[in-house]
Protein backbone atom coordinates (compact mmCIF):
# COMPACT_ATOMS: atom_id res chain seq x y z
CA MET A 1 140.64 162.56 97.10
CA GLU A 2 136.88 163.55 98.06
CA ILE A 3 135.29 166.53 99.08
CA ALA A 4 132.20 166.16 101.33
CA GLU A 5 129.11 168.21 100.25
CA GLY A 6 129.69 171.61 101.19
CA LYS A 7 127.58 172.99 104.16
CA PHE A 8 126.24 176.68 104.04
CA ASP A 9 124.81 177.95 107.46
CA GLY A 10 124.45 181.75 108.11
CA GLY A 11 126.93 183.10 105.98
CA THR A 12 129.60 180.44 106.52
CA PHE A 13 130.18 178.01 104.18
CA THR A 14 132.32 174.51 105.58
CA ALA A 15 134.06 171.94 103.05
CA ARG A 16 135.36 168.39 104.50
CA LEU A 17 138.80 167.57 102.70
CA ASN A 18 139.26 163.85 102.29
CA GLY A 19 142.57 161.63 101.32
CA HIS A 20 145.42 163.28 99.11
CA ILE A 21 145.37 166.10 97.22
CA ASP A 22 147.96 166.92 94.68
CA SER A 23 149.13 167.54 91.53
CA SER A 24 146.68 164.91 89.93
CA ASN A 25 143.36 165.89 91.54
CA ALA A 26 144.21 169.90 92.51
CA ALA A 27 142.38 171.14 89.41
CA LYS A 28 139.49 168.75 90.18
CA ALA A 29 139.13 170.11 93.68
CA GLU A 30 139.22 173.70 93.18
CA ALA A 31 136.52 173.32 90.22
CA ALA A 32 134.25 171.27 92.94
CA LEU A 33 134.68 173.74 95.20
CA LYS A 34 133.90 176.67 93.28
CA GLU A 35 130.81 174.85 91.99
CA LEU A 36 129.77 174.33 95.62
CA THR A 37 130.33 177.73 96.48
CA ALA A 38 128.46 179.45 93.19
CA GLY A 39 126.06 182.03 94.00
CA LYS A 40 126.04 181.94 97.67
CA GLN A 41 127.55 185.18 99.98
CA ILE A 42 130.07 183.74 101.94
CA ASP A 43 131.13 185.61 105.22
CA ASN A 44 133.58 183.08 106.57
CA PHE A 45 134.90 180.04 104.66
CA VAL A 46 136.25 176.89 106.38
CA ILE A 47 137.94 173.70 105.21
CA ASP A 48 137.53 170.86 107.85
CA ALA A 49 140.69 169.02 107.20
CA GLU A 50 140.06 166.25 109.49
CA ASN A 51 140.49 163.37 106.85
CA LEU A 52 142.96 165.36 104.51
CA GLU A 53 145.91 162.41 104.93
CA TYR A 54 148.41 165.05 102.24
CA ILE A 55 148.84 167.92 100.39
CA SER A 56 151.32 168.80 97.72
CA SER A 57 152.40 171.98 96.25
CA ALA A 58 149.46 171.94 94.15
CA GLY A 59 147.29 171.65 96.61
CA LEU A 60 148.91 174.43 98.64
CA ARG A 61 148.01 176.77 95.47
CA VAL A 62 144.37 175.67 95.72
CA VAL A 63 143.90 176.52 99.38
CA LEU A 64 145.72 179.99 98.74
CA SER A 65 143.27 180.86 95.61
CA PHE A 66 140.67 180.48 98.65
CA ARG A 67 142.29 182.09 101.00
CA LYS A 68 142.63 185.45 98.50
CA ALA A 69 139.20 185.13 97.38
CA TYR A 70 137.43 184.86 100.88
CA PRO A 71 139.75 186.96 103.43
CA LYS A 72 137.99 185.40 106.46
CA PHE A 73 139.09 181.94 105.55
CA LYS A 74 140.48 178.85 107.71
CA LEU A 75 141.47 175.64 108.05
CA VAL A 76 140.62 173.36 110.92
CA ASN A 77 141.33 170.04 112.40
CA VAL A 78 144.43 169.67 110.50
CA LYS A 79 146.20 166.71 111.19
CA SER A 80 149.92 167.19 112.71
CA GLU A 81 151.49 165.56 109.91
CA VAL A 82 149.82 167.84 107.43
CA TYR A 83 149.70 171.06 109.56
CA GLU A 84 153.54 170.56 109.47
CA VAL A 85 153.07 171.18 105.48
CA PHE A 86 151.42 174.41 106.45
CA GLU A 87 153.71 175.63 108.77
CA MET A 88 156.92 174.98 107.04
CA THR A 89 155.67 176.89 104.04
CA GLY A 90 154.39 179.69 105.88
CA PHE A 91 150.68 179.24 105.92
CA THR A 92 150.19 179.28 109.27
CA GLN A 93 151.43 183.16 109.20
CA MET A 94 149.28 183.63 106.23
CA MET A 95 145.97 182.47 107.31
CA GLU A 96 144.10 180.52 110.48
CA VAL A 97 145.32 176.99 110.63
CA GLU A 98 143.84 174.96 113.41
CA LYS A 99 145.51 171.65 114.23
CA ALA A 100 143.66 168.46 115.05
CA TYR A 101 144.31 167.55 118.67
CA LYS A 102 144.26 164.19 119.80
CA LYS A 103 141.55 162.99 122.00
CA VAL A 104 142.02 161.78 125.57
CA SER A 105 139.76 160.20 128.01
CA VAL A 106 139.62 161.34 131.91
CA ALA A 107 137.03 158.93 132.82
CA GLY A 108 137.57 156.71 135.90
CA CYS A 109 141.39 159.15 136.39
CA GLU A 110 142.83 160.21 139.94
CA ILE A 111 142.30 163.98 140.38
CA ILE A 112 146.08 165.20 141.72
CA GLY A 113 145.18 168.60 141.83
CA GLU A 114 143.33 171.33 141.03
CA GLY A 115 143.67 175.28 140.75
CA LYS A 116 141.96 178.29 139.50
CA ASN A 117 142.69 177.41 135.89
CA GLY A 118 142.64 173.85 135.57
CA ILE A 119 142.26 170.13 136.73
CA VAL A 120 145.46 167.57 136.61
CA TYR A 121 144.47 163.97 136.36
CA ARG A 122 146.87 161.23 136.37
CA VAL A 123 146.14 159.12 133.15
CA SER A 124 149.27 157.01 133.53
CA PRO A 125 151.88 155.73 135.86
CA ASP A 126 154.44 157.82 134.34
CA THR A 127 151.76 160.73 132.60
CA ILE A 128 149.49 163.75 134.04
CA VAL A 129 146.70 165.88 131.94
CA LYS A 130 145.96 169.09 133.02
CA VAL A 131 142.48 170.10 131.76
CA TYR A 132 141.90 173.89 131.61
CA LYS A 133 138.42 175.35 132.74
CA ASN A 134 138.43 177.76 129.68
CA PRO A 135 137.44 176.26 126.39
CA ASP A 136 139.59 178.73 124.58
CA ALA A 137 142.62 177.76 126.31
CA LEU A 138 145.21 177.86 123.92
CA ASP A 139 146.59 180.72 124.92
CA GLU A 140 147.29 180.02 128.69
CA ILE A 141 148.59 176.96 127.80
CA LYS A 142 151.54 178.83 125.32
CA ASN A 143 151.85 181.35 128.36
CA GLU A 144 152.11 178.24 131.01
CA ARG A 145 154.58 176.27 128.87
CA GLU A 146 156.59 179.59 128.70
CA LEU A 147 156.28 180.04 132.18
CA ALA A 148 157.32 176.73 133.59
CA ARG A 149 160.44 176.80 130.75
CA LYS A 150 161.51 179.95 132.60
CA ALA A 151 161.39 178.51 136.00
CA PHE A 152 162.95 175.08 135.03
CA VAL A 153 166.02 176.73 133.42
CA ASN A 154 166.41 178.63 136.60
CA GLY A 155 166.41 175.70 138.75
CA ILE A 156 163.11 175.23 139.87
CA PRO A 157 161.96 171.64 139.83
CA THR A 158 158.43 171.35 137.36
CA SER A 159 157.34 169.39 134.51
CA ILE A 160 156.89 170.99 131.01
CA SER A 161 154.03 170.09 128.74
CA TYR A 162 154.81 168.19 125.68
CA ASP A 163 151.70 167.56 124.00
CA VAL A 164 148.23 169.50 123.66
CA VAL A 165 145.36 167.63 123.50
CA GLN A 166 141.77 167.66 124.03
CA VAL A 167 139.46 165.98 126.77
CA ASP A 168 135.59 166.17 126.51
CA GLY A 169 135.79 169.28 124.31
CA ARG A 170 138.32 171.25 126.29
CA PHE A 171 142.14 171.92 125.55
CA ALA A 172 144.75 169.91 128.06
CA SER A 173 148.28 169.85 128.64
CA MET A 174 150.43 166.64 128.53
CA PHE A 175 153.29 166.02 131.01
CA GLU A 176 155.69 163.59 132.34
CA MET A 177 155.37 162.91 135.59
CA LEU A 178 156.58 159.75 137.35
CA GLU A 179 154.70 158.27 140.25
CA ALA A 180 154.15 160.74 142.89
CA ASP A 181 152.03 161.44 145.48
CA SER A 182 150.78 165.32 146.52
CA ILE A 183 151.56 166.59 149.72
CA SER A 184 147.60 166.21 150.73
CA LYS A 185 147.78 162.80 149.87
CA LYS A 186 151.15 162.41 151.93
CA ILE A 187 149.58 163.96 154.77
CA LYS A 188 146.84 161.88 154.77
CA LYS A 189 148.99 158.54 154.80
CA GLU A 190 151.64 160.10 157.60
CA PRO A 191 149.71 162.47 159.45
CA GLN A 192 152.60 162.37 162.01
CA ASN A 193 155.08 163.63 159.40
CA ILE A 194 153.01 166.71 158.76
CA ASP A 195 155.88 168.95 159.86
CA GLU A 196 158.27 167.40 157.90
CA PHE A 197 156.39 167.69 154.84
CA ALA A 198 156.03 171.61 155.62
CA LYS A 199 159.56 171.75 155.90
CA ALA A 200 159.98 170.26 152.58
CA SER A 201 157.37 172.50 151.06
CA VAL A 202 158.97 175.52 152.81
CA GLY A 203 162.60 174.32 151.05
CA LEU A 204 160.97 174.54 147.65
CA LEU A 205 159.03 177.91 148.31
CA LYS A 206 162.66 179.50 149.23
CA LYS A 207 164.12 177.89 145.99
CA ILE A 208 161.30 179.73 144.17
CA HIS A 209 161.46 182.96 145.99
CA SER A 210 165.07 183.29 145.29
CA VAL A 211 165.08 183.23 141.26
CA GLU A 212 165.57 187.10 139.92
CA LEU A 213 164.28 187.81 136.36
CA LYS A 214 163.97 191.17 134.47
CA LEU A 215 161.01 193.31 134.99
CA GLY A 216 158.23 192.04 132.32
CA GLU A 217 159.38 188.49 131.92
CA MET A 218 156.25 187.75 133.73
CA VAL A 219 153.39 189.33 135.46
CA ASP A 220 153.96 192.10 138.35
CA ALA A 221 152.09 190.69 141.08
CA LYS A 222 151.97 194.30 142.83
CA GLU A 223 149.70 195.50 139.46
CA ASP A 224 147.62 192.67 139.37
CA TYR A 225 146.62 193.11 143.20
CA LEU A 226 146.22 196.63 142.66
CA LYS A 227 143.53 196.17 140.11
CA ARG A 228 142.22 193.45 141.97
CA ALA A 229 141.72 195.88 145.22
CA GLN A 230 139.88 198.51 143.05
CA ARG A 231 136.64 195.98 143.19
CA LEU A 232 136.74 196.50 146.95
CA GLN A 233 135.89 199.97 146.82
CA GLU A 234 132.28 200.24 147.49
CA SER A 235 132.48 197.50 149.80
CA LEU A 236 134.92 198.86 152.40
CA ALA A 237 134.91 201.85 154.32
CA PRO A 238 136.16 204.38 152.38
CA GLU A 239 138.78 205.08 154.87
CA VAL A 240 140.11 201.72 155.19
CA TYR A 241 139.48 200.95 151.11
CA ALA A 242 141.92 204.37 150.52
CA LYS A 243 144.60 203.15 152.98
CA LEU A 244 144.10 199.41 151.38
CA CYS A 245 145.11 200.75 148.27
CA ASP A 246 148.26 202.70 149.60
CA LEU A 247 149.76 199.64 151.52
CA VAL A 248 149.63 197.93 148.28
CA LYS A 249 151.25 200.67 146.16
CA GLU A 250 153.90 201.12 149.28
CA ILE A 251 155.10 197.21 148.56
CA PRO A 252 158.53 197.59 147.19
CA GLN A 253 159.18 196.65 143.58
CA ASN A 254 160.44 193.03 143.73
CA ASN A 255 161.58 191.12 140.50
CA HIS A 256 162.00 187.66 142.32
CA ILE A 257 159.65 184.84 141.52
CA ILE A 258 156.45 184.21 143.20
CA HIS A 259 154.23 181.16 142.46
CA GLY A 260 150.56 182.60 143.18
CA ASP A 261 149.21 179.17 144.14
CA PHE A 262 151.26 177.07 146.06
CA HIS A 263 149.46 174.60 148.21
CA THR A 264 149.54 170.87 149.23
CA LYS A 265 147.96 169.70 146.04
CA ASN A 266 150.27 171.64 143.33
CA GLN A 267 153.26 169.88 145.06
CA MET A 268 154.25 166.14 144.61
CA PHE A 269 156.74 164.01 145.91
CA LEU A 270 158.41 161.67 143.23
CA LYS A 271 157.94 158.01 144.84
CA SER A 272 161.25 157.28 142.72
CA THR A 273 163.72 159.59 144.43
CA GLY A 274 162.02 161.82 147.08
CA GLU A 275 162.32 165.25 145.11
CA LEU A 276 159.29 167.60 145.56
CA MET A 277 157.92 169.07 141.96
CA LEU A 278 155.68 171.51 141.31
CA ILE A 279 152.32 170.32 138.65
CA ASP A 280 150.94 174.04 137.94
CA MET A 281 152.63 176.91 136.93
CA ASP A 282 150.22 179.17 135.36
CA THR A 283 150.26 181.75 138.12
CA LEU A 284 153.81 182.54 138.12
CA CYS A 285 154.45 185.96 138.80
CA LEU A 286 156.96 188.64 140.11
CA GLY A 287 156.74 190.44 143.50
CA ASP A 288 157.02 190.31 147.41
CA PRO A 289 156.79 187.12 149.11
CA VAL A 290 153.76 188.52 151.10
CA PHE A 291 151.77 187.76 147.59
CA ASP A 292 152.45 183.85 147.89
CA PHE A 293 151.98 184.17 151.65
CA GLY A 294 148.60 185.77 150.71
CA SER A 295 147.65 182.76 148.86
CA LEU A 296 149.00 180.35 151.39
CA TYR A 297 146.87 181.95 153.98
CA ASN A 298 143.99 181.35 151.72
CA ALA A 299 144.68 178.16 150.99
CA TYR A 300 145.16 176.80 154.63
CA VAL A 301 143.19 179.27 156.78
CA GLY A 302 141.52 182.08 154.96
CA ARG A 303 138.38 179.99 152.93
CA ALA A 304 137.90 177.96 156.00
CA LEU A 305 137.17 180.75 157.93
CA ALA A 306 133.85 181.55 155.74
CA GLU A 307 133.34 178.29 154.57
CA PRO A 308 134.25 175.53 157.62
CA GLY A 309 135.56 172.22 156.22
CA ASN A 310 136.91 173.83 152.92
CA SER A 311 140.33 172.35 153.76
CA GLU A 312 138.81 169.11 153.31
CA ALA A 313 137.06 169.71 150.04
CA PHE A 314 139.76 171.69 148.55
CA LEU A 315 142.98 170.23 149.64
CA GLY A 316 141.73 166.91 150.90
CA ILE A 317 142.98 167.36 154.65
CA SER A 318 141.38 168.64 157.33
CA ASP A 319 141.00 172.03 158.81
CA GLU A 320 143.05 171.03 161.94
CA GLN A 321 146.07 169.89 159.59
CA ALA A 322 145.84 172.27 157.19
CA ALA A 323 145.84 175.37 160.12
CA ARG A 324 148.93 173.09 161.61
CA PHE A 325 150.58 173.21 157.81
CA TRP A 326 150.37 176.92 157.64
CA GLU A 327 151.96 177.56 161.21
CA LYS A 328 154.78 175.23 160.61
CA THR A 329 155.63 177.04 156.87
CA LEU A 330 155.82 180.41 158.63
CA GLU A 331 157.96 179.00 161.58
CA PHE A 332 160.19 176.92 159.05
CA TYR A 333 160.56 180.09 156.27
CA PHE A 334 161.19 183.05 158.69
CA GLU A 335 163.29 180.62 160.91
CA THR A 336 161.27 182.18 164.24
CA SER A 337 158.81 180.88 166.85
CA ASP A 338 159.00 184.58 168.05
CA LYS A 339 155.13 184.57 168.68
CA GLU A 340 154.48 188.14 168.37
CA LYS A 341 157.02 188.29 164.79
CA LEU A 342 154.67 185.39 163.63
CA GLU A 343 151.62 186.89 164.72
CA GLU A 344 152.59 190.13 162.54
CA ILE A 345 153.49 188.06 159.46
CA GLN A 346 150.32 186.20 159.05
CA ARG A 347 148.02 189.56 159.58
CA ARG A 348 150.08 190.80 156.64
CA ALA A 349 149.68 187.76 154.89
CA MET A 350 146.08 188.01 156.09
CA ILE A 351 145.46 191.03 154.34
CA VAL A 352 146.72 190.22 151.25
CA GLY A 353 144.52 186.88 151.42
CA GLN A 354 141.43 188.51 152.38
CA LEU A 355 141.99 191.32 149.62
CA ARG A 356 142.16 188.32 147.00
CA LEU A 357 139.03 186.31 148.39
CA MET A 358 136.65 189.29 148.74
CA ALA A 359 138.00 190.85 145.07
CA LYS A 360 137.32 187.04 143.84
CA ALA A 361 133.66 186.88 145.91
CA ILE A 362 132.71 190.53 144.34
CA LYS A 363 133.86 189.55 140.91
CA SER A 364 132.86 185.85 140.35
CA TYR A 365 129.61 185.06 143.06
CA LYS A 366 128.28 188.13 144.53
CA GLY A 367 124.87 188.16 145.20
CA THR A 368 125.00 184.40 146.14
CA GLU A 369 124.66 182.83 149.83
CA ALA A 370 128.50 181.73 149.49
CA GLY A 371 129.38 184.84 147.75
CA GLU A 372 127.64 187.36 150.28
CA ARG A 373 129.16 185.25 153.07
CA GLN A 374 132.81 185.20 152.10
CA ILE A 375 132.57 189.36 151.34
CA LYS A 376 131.21 189.95 154.85
CA SER A 377 133.71 187.73 156.59
CA SER A 378 136.74 189.47 154.35
CA LYS A 379 135.03 193.01 154.84
CA ALA A 380 135.12 192.20 159.19
CA LEU A 381 138.87 191.40 158.73
CA LEU A 382 140.14 194.04 156.82
CA GLU A 383 138.44 196.63 158.63
CA ASP A 384 139.87 195.00 161.69
CA ALA A 385 142.99 194.63 160.46
CA VAL A 386 144.24 197.58 157.90
CA PRO A 387 143.92 200.38 160.21
CA LYS A 388 146.62 198.80 162.80
CA THR A 389 148.75 198.01 159.56
CA SER A 390 151.54 200.15 158.34
CA LEU A 391 153.21 197.63 156.17
CA LEU A 392 152.56 194.76 154.05
CA THR A 393 156.05 193.88 152.57
CA LEU A 394 157.55 190.76 154.14
CA ALA A 395 161.08 190.78 152.18
CA SER A 396 162.42 192.42 155.17
CA LEU A 397 161.32 190.12 158.11
């Protein structure tokens, strides 16, 4: 066992433990650490365990003694087999213990999907990895795993993460996913079959919408959209803003699952069976189908209104193909070709979708050329449609 020279920087002391720490050297290790810290004003005590191969109960007692001496104490880069010792003995409940994560490269890998929180790459014929945009994404990963588990046990076809890794310093989830093509890719290959792909997509969407959970098991979409709507107060005419909020508030409580980001790059046809599966589950919530159709409208139509060509950039298909997919999705889901009914459904979905787009632009890129263009486009559409609308719910249509 070796202790690399301790590093002291701005109140933080870091020491690296290498090799084994057991009854034969635990006392020596403790003495060496005390010598390195003597006379220093330490606010944070960090042990980097990247090269620690084994720790016995004697070594754990050394760790515990320093944890008692320094309340802000943590271990980082702990190998899986050593982490299991800390977890099994309850140390992970007493102190901060950060597991080391295997490093994976996505250089040259195909991007098969992208959502607001991450990018999905295929790293092998049977493995995909989702790289999270947030550098502190461990809580997001835990949340998505739980959402995916709930979906899976309720019959929604999706993969569940089996490992957490790091890609270029960011956290990522590994999933088993046999060779598959996204709907976007299938449309590119077989544009003549776009209507059939839309029908399959609707089948999956209906399966999602058929699952009912208890209130509180997932985020309530209506509450989320009411928070988004508040960002529009200074940008919309007062009477439009007030009515928009009322329309959202009047959407009936609905505890069925909605996906929240259901589009052609998040749906994959398995080559082996032809089954359609989902690859992005971090946006699952509960609510009226209108919230899903608002997101669908944005993906296939809404974004392209302010940014022509967006469908090619975002989905990998043309604006015309995206609009066709949207049209057939409405027809197949609501089982109608009644033009008046479809126009009403689209108007309600458009209001929810433009609310979301405008709120995002105000929060994230207001003042930029693209942001101001989106705000102006959404404002015009909402101020035209909201006064003409008495309901947003799609549950009864």
